[in-house]
PDB file of N, CA and C in Angstrom:
ATOM      1  N   MET A   1      -4.401   1.286 -12.145  1.00  0.00           N
ATOM      2  CA  MET A   1      -3.168   1.270 -10.951  1.00  0.00           C
ATOM      3  C   MET A   1      -2.520   2.512 -10.817  1.00  0.00           C
ATOM      4  N   THR A   2      -2.590   2.871  -9.523  1.00  0.00           N
ATOM      5  CA  THR A   2      -2.015   3.833  -8.995  1.00  0.00           C
ATOM      6  C   THR A   2      -0.656   3.982  -9.227  1.00  0.00           C
ATOM      7  N   LEU A   3      -0.028   4.929  -8.527  1.00  0.00           N
ATOM      8  CA  LEU A   3       1.426   5.126  -8.555  1.00  0.00           C
ATOM      9  C   LEU A   3       1.826   4.177  -7.287  1.00  0.00           C
ATOM     10  N   ILE A   4       1.200   4.231  -6.353  1.00  0.00           N
ATOM     11  CA  ILE A   4       1.958   3.423  -5.312  1.00  0.00           C
ATOM     12  C   ILE A   4       1.602   1.930  -5.358  1.00  0.00           C
ATOM     13  N   ASP A   5       0.287   1.517  -5.820  1.00  0.00           N
ATOM     14  CA  ASP A   5       0.232   0.300  -6.594  1.00  0.00           C
ATOM     15  C   ASP A   5       1.470  -0.296  -7.216  1.00  0.00           C
ATOM     16  N   TYR A   6       2.050   0.538  -8.075  1.00  0.00           N
ATOM     17  CA  TYR A   6       3.151   0.233  -9.102  1.00  0.00           C
ATOM     18  C   TYR A   6       4.075   0.079  -8.425  1.00  0.00           C
ATOM     19  N   ILE A   7       4.634   0.960  -7.541  1.00  0.00           N
ATOM     20  CA  ILE A   7       5.592   0.995  -6.483  1.00  0.00           C
ATOM     21  C   ILE A   7       5.582  -0.319  -5.640  1.00  0.00           C
ATOM     22  N   ASN A   8       4.559  -0.494  -5.039  1.00  0.00           N
ATOM     23  CA  ASN A   8       4.229  -1.814  -4.225  1.00  0.00           C
ATOM     24  C   ASN A   8       4.545  -3.186  -4.828  1.00  0.00           C
ATOM     25  N   GLN A   9       4.281  -3.006  -6.115  1.00  0.00           N
ATOM     26  CA  GLN A   9       4.371  -4.228  -7.119  1.00  0.00           C
ATOM     27  C   GLN A   9       5.932  -4.497  -7.181  1.00  0.00           C
ATOM     28  N   LEU A  10       6.378  -3.304  -7.572  1.00  0.00           N
ATOM     29  CA  LEU A  10       8.002  -3.651  -7.844  1.00  0.00           C
ATOM     30  C   LEU A  10       8.785  -4.034  -6.608  1.00  0.00           C
ATOM     31  N   ARG A  11       8.461  -3.352  -5.586  1.00  0.00           N
ATOM     32  CA  ARG A  11       8.926  -3.467  -4.129  1.00  0.00           C
ATOM     33  C   ARG A  11       8.535  -5.254  -4.078  1.00  0.00           C
ATOM     34  N   ILE A  12       7.553  -5.626  -4.131  1.00  0.00           N
ATOM     35  CA  ILE A  12       7.347  -6.833  -3.845  1.00  0.00           C
ATOM     36  C   ILE A  12       7.979  -8.057  -4.687  1.00  0.00           C
ATOM     37  N   GLU A  13       8.224  -7.581  -6.088  1.00  0.00           N
ATOM     38  CA  GLU A  13       9.019  -8.517  -6.950  1.00  0.00           C
ATOM     39  C   GLU A  13      10.249  -8.488  -6.530  1.00  0.00           C
ATOM     40  N   GLU A  14      10.871  -7.422  -6.110  1.00  0.00           N
ATOM     41  CA  GLU A  14      12.280  -7.596  -5.776  1.00  0.00           C
ATOM     42  C   GLU A  14      12.651  -8.463  -4.713  1.00  0.00           C
ATOM     43  N   ALA A  15      11.723  -8.117  -3.396  1.00  0.00           N
ATOM     44  CA  ALA A  15      11.425  -9.020  -2.408  1.00  0.00           C
ATOM     45  C   ALA A  15      11.400 -10.413  -2.836  1.00  0.00           C
ATOM     46  N   LYS A  16      10.776 -10.855  -3.756  1.00  0.00           N
ATOM     47  CA  LYS A  16      10.459 -12.047  -4.093  1.00  0.00           C
ATOM     48  C   LYS A  16      11.895 -12.762  -4.483  1.00  0.00           C
ATOM     49  N   TYR A  17      12.533 -11.864  -5.079  1.00  0.00           N
ATOM     50  CA  TYR A  17      13.924 -12.268  -5.729  1.00  0.00           C
ATOM     51  C   TYR A  17      14.902 -12.620  -4.361  1.00  0.00           C
ATOM     52  N   LEU A  18      14.596 -11.747  -3.650  1.00  0.00           N
ATOM     53  CA  LEU A  18      15.658 -11.935  -2.488  1.00  0.00           C
ATOM     54  C   LEU A  18      15.281 -12.967  -1.469  1.00  0.00           C
ATOM     55  N   LEU A  19      14.155 -13.012  -1.310  1.00  0.00           N
ATOM     56  CA  LEU A  19      13.567 -14.459  -0.586  1.00  0.00           C
ATOM     57  C   LEU A  19      13.758 -15.688  -1.413  1.00  0.00           C
ATOM     58  N   ASP A  20      14.169 -15.961  -2.762  1.00  0.00           N
ATOM     59  CA  ASP A  20      14.257 -16.801  -3.578  1.00  0.00           C
ATOM     60  C   ASP A  20      15.801 -16.693  -3.346  1.00  0.00           C
ATOM     61  N   SER A  21      16.711 -15.958  -3.481  1.00  0.00           N
ATOM     62  CA  SER A  21      18.009 -16.281  -3.413  1.00  0.00           C
ATOM     63  C   SER A  21      18.831 -16.279  -2.371  1.00  0.00           C
ATOM     64  N   GLY A  22      18.383 -16.001  -1.202  1.00  0.00           N
ATOM     65  CA  GLY A  22      19.123 -15.551  -0.062  1.00  0.00           C
ATOM     66  C   GLY A  22      18.549 -16.113   1.000  1.00  0.00           C
ATOM     67  N   ASN A  23      19.577 -15.834   2.224  1.00  0.00           N
ATOM     68  CA  ASN A  23      19.076 -16.381   3.440  1.00  0.00           C
ATOM     69  C   ASN A  23      18.728 -15.122   4.616  1.00  0.00           C
ATOM     70  N   ALA A  24      18.371 -13.977   3.563  1.00  0.00           N
ATOM     71  CA  ALA A  24      18.109 -12.893   4.735  1.00  0.00           C
ATOM     72  C   ALA A  24      16.361 -12.848   5.388  1.00  0.00           C
ATOM     73  N   SER A  25      16.650 -12.500   6.387  1.00  0.00           N
ATOM     74  CA  SER A  25      15.389 -12.772   7.127  1.00  0.00           C
ATOM     75  C   SER A  25      14.412 -11.881   6.356  1.00  0.00           C
ATOM     76  N   VAL A  26      12.994 -11.962   6.780  1.00  0.00           N
ATOM     77  CA  VAL A  26      11.894 -11.373   6.248  1.00  0.00           C
ATOM     78  C   VAL A  26      12.174  -9.915   6.747  1.00  0.00           C
ATOM     79  N   THR A  27      12.432  -9.621   7.966  1.00  0.00           N
ATOM     80  CA  THR A  27      12.548  -8.302   8.189  1.00  0.00           C
ATOM     81  C   THR A  27      13.925  -7.690   7.499  1.00  0.00           C
ATOM     82  N   GLU A  28      14.987  -8.027   7.310  1.00  0.00           N
ATOM     83  CA  GLU A  28      16.025  -7.627   6.343  1.00  0.00           C
ATOM     84  C   GLU A  28      15.442  -7.612   4.881  1.00  0.00           C
ATOM     85  N   VAL A  29      14.442  -8.495   4.505  1.00  0.00           N
ATOM     86  CA  VAL A  29      14.143  -8.283   3.031  1.00  0.00           C
ATOM     87  C   VAL A  29      13.193  -6.952   3.158  1.00  0.00           C
ATOM     88  N   ALA A  30      12.209  -6.704   4.055  1.00  0.00           N
ATOM     89  CA  ALA A  30      11.359  -5.781   4.154  1.00  0.00           C
ATOM     90  C   ALA A  30      12.215  -4.447   4.138  1.00  0.00           C
ATOM     91  N   LEU A  31      13.170  -4.382   4.874  1.00  0.00           N
ATOM     92  CA  LEU A  31      14.127  -2.910   4.832  1.00  0.00           C
ATOM     93  C   LEU A  31      14.821  -2.831   3.552  1.00  0.00           C
ATOM     94  N   SER A  32      15.258  -4.114   2.941  1.00  0.00           N
ATOM     95  CA  SER A  32      16.115  -3.810   1.714  1.00  0.00           C
ATOM     96  C   SER A  32      15.203  -3.205   0.441  1.00  0.00           C
ATOM     97  N   VAL A  33      14.074  -3.502   0.534  1.00  0.00           N
ATOM     98  CA  VAL A  33      13.075  -3.036  -0.457  1.00  0.00           C
ATOM     99  C   VAL A  33      12.249  -1.667   0.016  1.00  0.00           C
ATOM    100  N   GLY A  34      12.691  -1.219   0.973  1.00  0.00           N
ATOM    101  CA  GLY A  34      12.326   0.104   1.439  1.00  0.00           C
ATOM    102  C   GLY A  34      10.762   0.186   2.141  1.00  0.00           C
ATOM    103  N   TYR A  35      10.749  -0.952   3.119  1.00  0.00           N
ATOM    104  CA  TYR A  35       9.532  -1.015   3.957  1.00  0.00           C
ATOM    105  C   TYR A  35      10.187  -0.742   5.738  1.00  0.00           C
ATOM    106  N   ASN A  36      10.012   0.317   6.002  1.00  0.00           N
ATOM    107  CA  ASN A  36      10.187   0.581   7.484  1.00  0.00           C
ATOM    108  C   ASN A  36       9.662  -0.523   8.328  1.00  0.00           C
ATOM    109  N   ASP A  37       8.380  -1.084   8.362  1.00  0.00           N
ATOM    110  CA  ASP A  37       7.738  -1.911   9.256  1.00  0.00           C
ATOM    111  C   ASP A  37       7.411  -2.917   8.547  1.00  0.00           C
ATOM    112  N   PRO A  38       8.126  -3.934   9.058  1.00  0.00           N
ATOM    113  CA  PRO A  38       8.060  -5.575   8.410  1.00  0.00           C
ATOM    114  C   PRO A  38       6.532  -6.164   8.486  1.00  0.00           C
ATOM    115  N   ASN A  39       5.708  -5.687   9.401  1.00  0.00           N
ATOM    116  CA  ASN A  39       4.480  -6.034   9.609  1.00  0.00           C
ATOM    117  C   ASN A  39       3.650  -5.545   8.275  1.00  0.00           C
ATOM    118  N   TYR A  40       3.907  -4.466   7.910  1.00  0.00           N
ATOM    119  CA  TYR A  40       3.248  -3.447   6.676  1.00  0.00           C
ATOM    120  C   TYR A  40       3.836  -4.403   5.736  1.00  0.00           C
ATOM    121  N   PHE A  41       4.725  -4.529   5.515  1.00  0.00           N
ATOM    122  CA  PHE A  41       5.568  -5.250   4.362  1.00  0.00           C
ATOM    123  C   PHE A  41       4.743  -6.791   4.373  1.00  0.00           C
ATOM    124  N   SER A  42       4.717  -7.503   5.169  1.00  0.00           N
ATOM    125  CA  SER A  42       4.080  -8.889   5.162  1.00  0.00           C
ATOM    126  C   SER A  42       2.632  -8.618   4.843  1.00  0.00           C
ATOM    127  N   LYS A  43       1.935  -7.399   5.159  1.00  0.00           N
ATOM    128  CA  LYS A  43       0.448  -7.384   4.893  1.00  0.00           C
ATOM    129  C   LYS A  43       0.394  -7.109   3.445  1.00  0.00           C
ATOM    130  N   VAL A  44       1.424  -6.320   2.939  1.00  0.00           N
ATOM    131  CA  VAL A  44       1.570  -5.571   1.552  1.00  0.00           C
ATOM    132  C   VAL A  44       1.744  -7.282   0.549  1.00  0.00           C
ATOM    133  N   PHE A  45       2.759  -7.828   0.925  1.00  0.00           N
ATOM    134  CA  PHE A  45       3.254  -8.927   0.211  1.00  0.00           C
ATOM    135  C   PHE A  45       1.978  -9.970   0.327  1.00  0.00           C
ATOM    136  N   THR A  46       1.270 -10.392   1.300  1.00  0.00           N
ATOM    137  CA  THR A  46       0.280 -11.373   1.548  1.00  0.00           C
ATOM    138  C   THR A  46      -1.026 -10.781   0.562  1.00  0.00           C
ATOM    139  N   LYS A  47      -1.247  -9.864   0.536  1.00  0.00           N
ATOM    140  CA  LYS A  47      -2.211  -9.166  -0.121  1.00  0.00           C
ATOM    141  C   LYS A  47      -1.963  -9.275  -1.897  1.00  0.00           C
ATOM    142  N   LEU A  48      -0.841  -9.108  -2.318  1.00  0.00           N
ATOM    143  CA  LEU A  48      -0.368  -9.352  -3.665  1.00  0.00           C
ATOM    144  C   LEU A  48      -0.151 -10.553  -4.040  1.00  0.00           C
ATOM    145  N   GLU A  49       0.473 -11.432  -3.043  1.00  0.00           N
ATOM    146  CA  GLU A  49       1.032 -12.689  -3.480  1.00  0.00           C
ATOM    147  C   GLU A  49       0.017 -13.943  -3.009  1.00  0.00           C
ATOM    148  N   HIS A  50      -0.866 -13.646  -2.142  1.00  0.00           N
ATOM    149  CA  HIS A  50      -1.685 -14.451  -1.523  1.00  0.00           C
ATOM    150  C   HIS A  50      -0.956 -15.470  -0.790  1.00  0.00           C
ATOM    151  N   VAL A  51       0.171 -15.298  -0.357  1.00  0.00           N
ATOM    152  CA  VAL A  51       0.877 -16.331   0.946  1.00  0.00           C
ATOM    153  C   VAL A  51       1.791 -15.165   1.542  1.00  0.00           C
ATOM    154  N   THR A  52       2.057 -15.604   2.708  1.00  0.00           N
ATOM    155  CA  THR A  52       2.863 -14.649   3.615  1.00  0.00           C
ATOM    156  C   THR A  52       4.491 -14.936   3.079  1.00  0.00           C
ATOM    157  N   PRO A  53       5.015 -13.910   3.230  1.00  0.00           N
ATOM    158  CA  PRO A  53       6.486 -13.803   2.939  1.00  0.00           C
ATOM    159  C   PRO A  53       7.467 -15.376   3.418  1.00  0.00           C
ATOM    160  N   HIS A  54       7.068 -15.563   4.401  1.00  0.00           N
ATOM    161  CA  HIS A  54       7.534 -16.643   5.183  1.00  0.00           C
ATOM    162  C   HIS A  54       7.379 -18.130   4.676  1.00  0.00           C
ATOM    163  N   ASN A  55       5.944 -18.304   4.192  1.00  0.00           N
ATOM    164  CA  ASN A  55       5.620 -19.289   3.653  1.00  0.00           C
ATOM    165  C   ASN A  55       6.005 -19.477   1.981  1.00  0.00           C
ATOM    166  N   TYR A  56       6.158 -18.264   1.613  1.00  0.00           N
ATOM    167  CA  TYR A  56       6.582 -18.205   0.055  1.00  0.00           C
ATOM    168  C   TYR A  56       7.821 -18.870   0.209  1.00  0.00           C
ATOM    169  N   ARG A  57       8.927 -18.310   0.785  1.00  0.00           N
ATOM    170  CA  ARG A  57       9.954 -18.829   0.850  1.00  0.00           C
ATOM    171  C   ARG A  57      10.168 -20.170   0.959  1.00  0.00           C
ATOM    172  N   LYS A  58       9.353 -20.668   2.311  1.00  0.00           N
ATOM    173  CA  LYS A  58       9.135 -22.118   2.607  1.00  0.00           C
ATOM    174  C   LYS A  58       8.559 -22.966   1.147  1.00  0.00           C
ATOM    175  N   ARG A  59       7.633 -22.613   0.648  1.00  0.00           N
ATOM    176  CA  ARG A  59       7.160 -23.307  -0.770  1.00  0.00           C
ATOM    177  C   ARG A  59       7.995 -23.108  -1.688  1.00  0.00           C
ATOM    178  N   LYS A  60       8.887 -21.766  -2.066  1.00  0.00           N
ATOM    179  CA  LYS A  60       9.903 -22.072  -2.800  1.00  0.00           C
ATOM    180  C   LYS A  60      10.912 -23.215  -2.626  1.00  0.00           C
ATOM    181  N   LYS A  61      11.452 -22.883  -1.340  1.00  0.00           N
ATOM    182  CA  LYS A  61      12.453 -23.879  -0.925  1.00  0.00           C
ATOM    183  C   LYS A  61      12.190 -25.416  -1.042  1.00  0.00           C
ATOM    184  N   GLY A  62      11.116 -25.823  -0.718  1.00  0.00           N
ATOM    185  CA  GLY A  62      10.429 -26.895  -0.620  1.00  0.00           C
ATOM    186  C   GLY A  62      10.260 -27.687  -1.972  1.00  0.00           C
ATOM    187  N   THR A  63       9.695 -26.657  -2.980  1.00  0.00           N
ATOM    188  CA  THR A  63      10.033 -27.059  -4.363  1.00  0.00           C
ATOM    189  C   THR A  63      11.229 -27.454  -5.031  1.00  0.00           C
ATOM    190  N   GLU A  64      12.025 -26.524  -4.663  1.00  0.00           N
ATOM    191  CA  GLU A  64      13.387 -26.813  -5.176  1.00  0.00           C
ATOM    192  C   GLU A  64      14.146 -27.973  -4.408  1.00  0.00           C
ATOM    193  N   THR A  65      13.818 -28.431  -3.159  1.00  0.00           N
ATOM    194  CA  THR A  65      14.289 -29.781  -2.652  1.00  0.00           C
ATOM    195  C   THR A  65      13.341 -30.838  -3.177  1.00  0.00           C
ATOM    196  N   SER A  66      12.219 -30.683  -3.497  1.00  0.00           N
ATOM    197  CA  SER A  66      11.593 -31.704  -4.391  1.00  0.00           C
ATOM    198  C   SER A  66      12.042 -32.068  -5.204  1.00  0.00           C
ATOM    199  N   LEU A  67      12.441 -30.989  -6.181  1.00  0.00           N
ATOM    200  CA  LEU A  67      12.871 -31.090  -7.650  1.00  0.00           C
ATOM    201  C   LEU A  67      14.226 -31.805  -7.628  1.00  0.00           C
ATOM    202  N   HIS A  68      15.225 -31.432  -6.656  1.00  0.00           N
ATOM    203  CA  HIS A  68      16.643 -31.796  -6.516  1.00  0.00           C
ATOM    204  C   HIS A  68      16.245 -33.328  -6.239  1.00  0.00           C
ATOM    205  N   VAL A  69      15.722 -33.581  -5.091  1.00  0.00           N
ATOM    206  CA  VAL A  69      15.781 -35.346  -4.708  1.00  0.00           C
ATOM    207  C   VAL A  69      15.158 -35.941  -5.809  1.00  0.00           C
ATOM    208  N   ALA A  70      14.033 -35.380  -6.712  1.00  0.00           N
ATOM    209  CA  ALA A  70      13.438 -36.349  -7.650  1.00  0.00           C
ATOM    210  C   ALA A  70      14.412 -36.414  -8.672  1.00  0.00           C
ATOM    211  N   THR A  71      15.328 -35.604  -9.252  1.00  0.00           N
ATOM    212  CA  THR A  71      16.197 -35.600 -10.123  1.00  0.00           C
ATOM    213  C   THR A  71      17.440 -36.265  -9.809  1.00  0.00           C
ATOM    214  N   LYS A  72      17.707 -36.859  -8.503  1.00  0.00           N
ATOM    215  CA  LYS A  72      19.319 -37.684  -8.183  1.00  0.00           C
ATOM    216  C   LYS A  72      18.932 -38.840  -8.805  1.00  0.00           C
ATOM    217  N   PRO A  73      20.199 -39.326  -9.197  1.00  0.00           N
ATOM    218  CA  PRO A  73      20.409 -40.313 -10.022  1.00  0.00           C
ATOM    219  C   PRO A  73      20.295 -41.878  -9.081  1.00  0.00           C
ATOM    220  N   THR A  74      19.831 -42.640  -9.029  1.00  0.00           N
ATOM    221  CA  THR A  74      19.540 -43.734  -8.343  1.00  0.00           C
ATOM    222  C   THR A  74      20.817 -44.787  -8.334  1.00  0.00           C
TER     223      THR A  74
END
């Protein structure tokens, strides 16, 4: 693993945390983790996670909603 690969991996891990925990836009997340170009951020994110940042968030939110609904008392 190159230094650049390692740095990208760290940035994407932080981006995943931000996407999971907040309502910041993908552009805001990209800028927060050090990517000046949101399109490049999306490209790197997709390469490492095999899903776009938007779909990552959507999938995570959908999972949380499904679990929440499934555990509601009847």
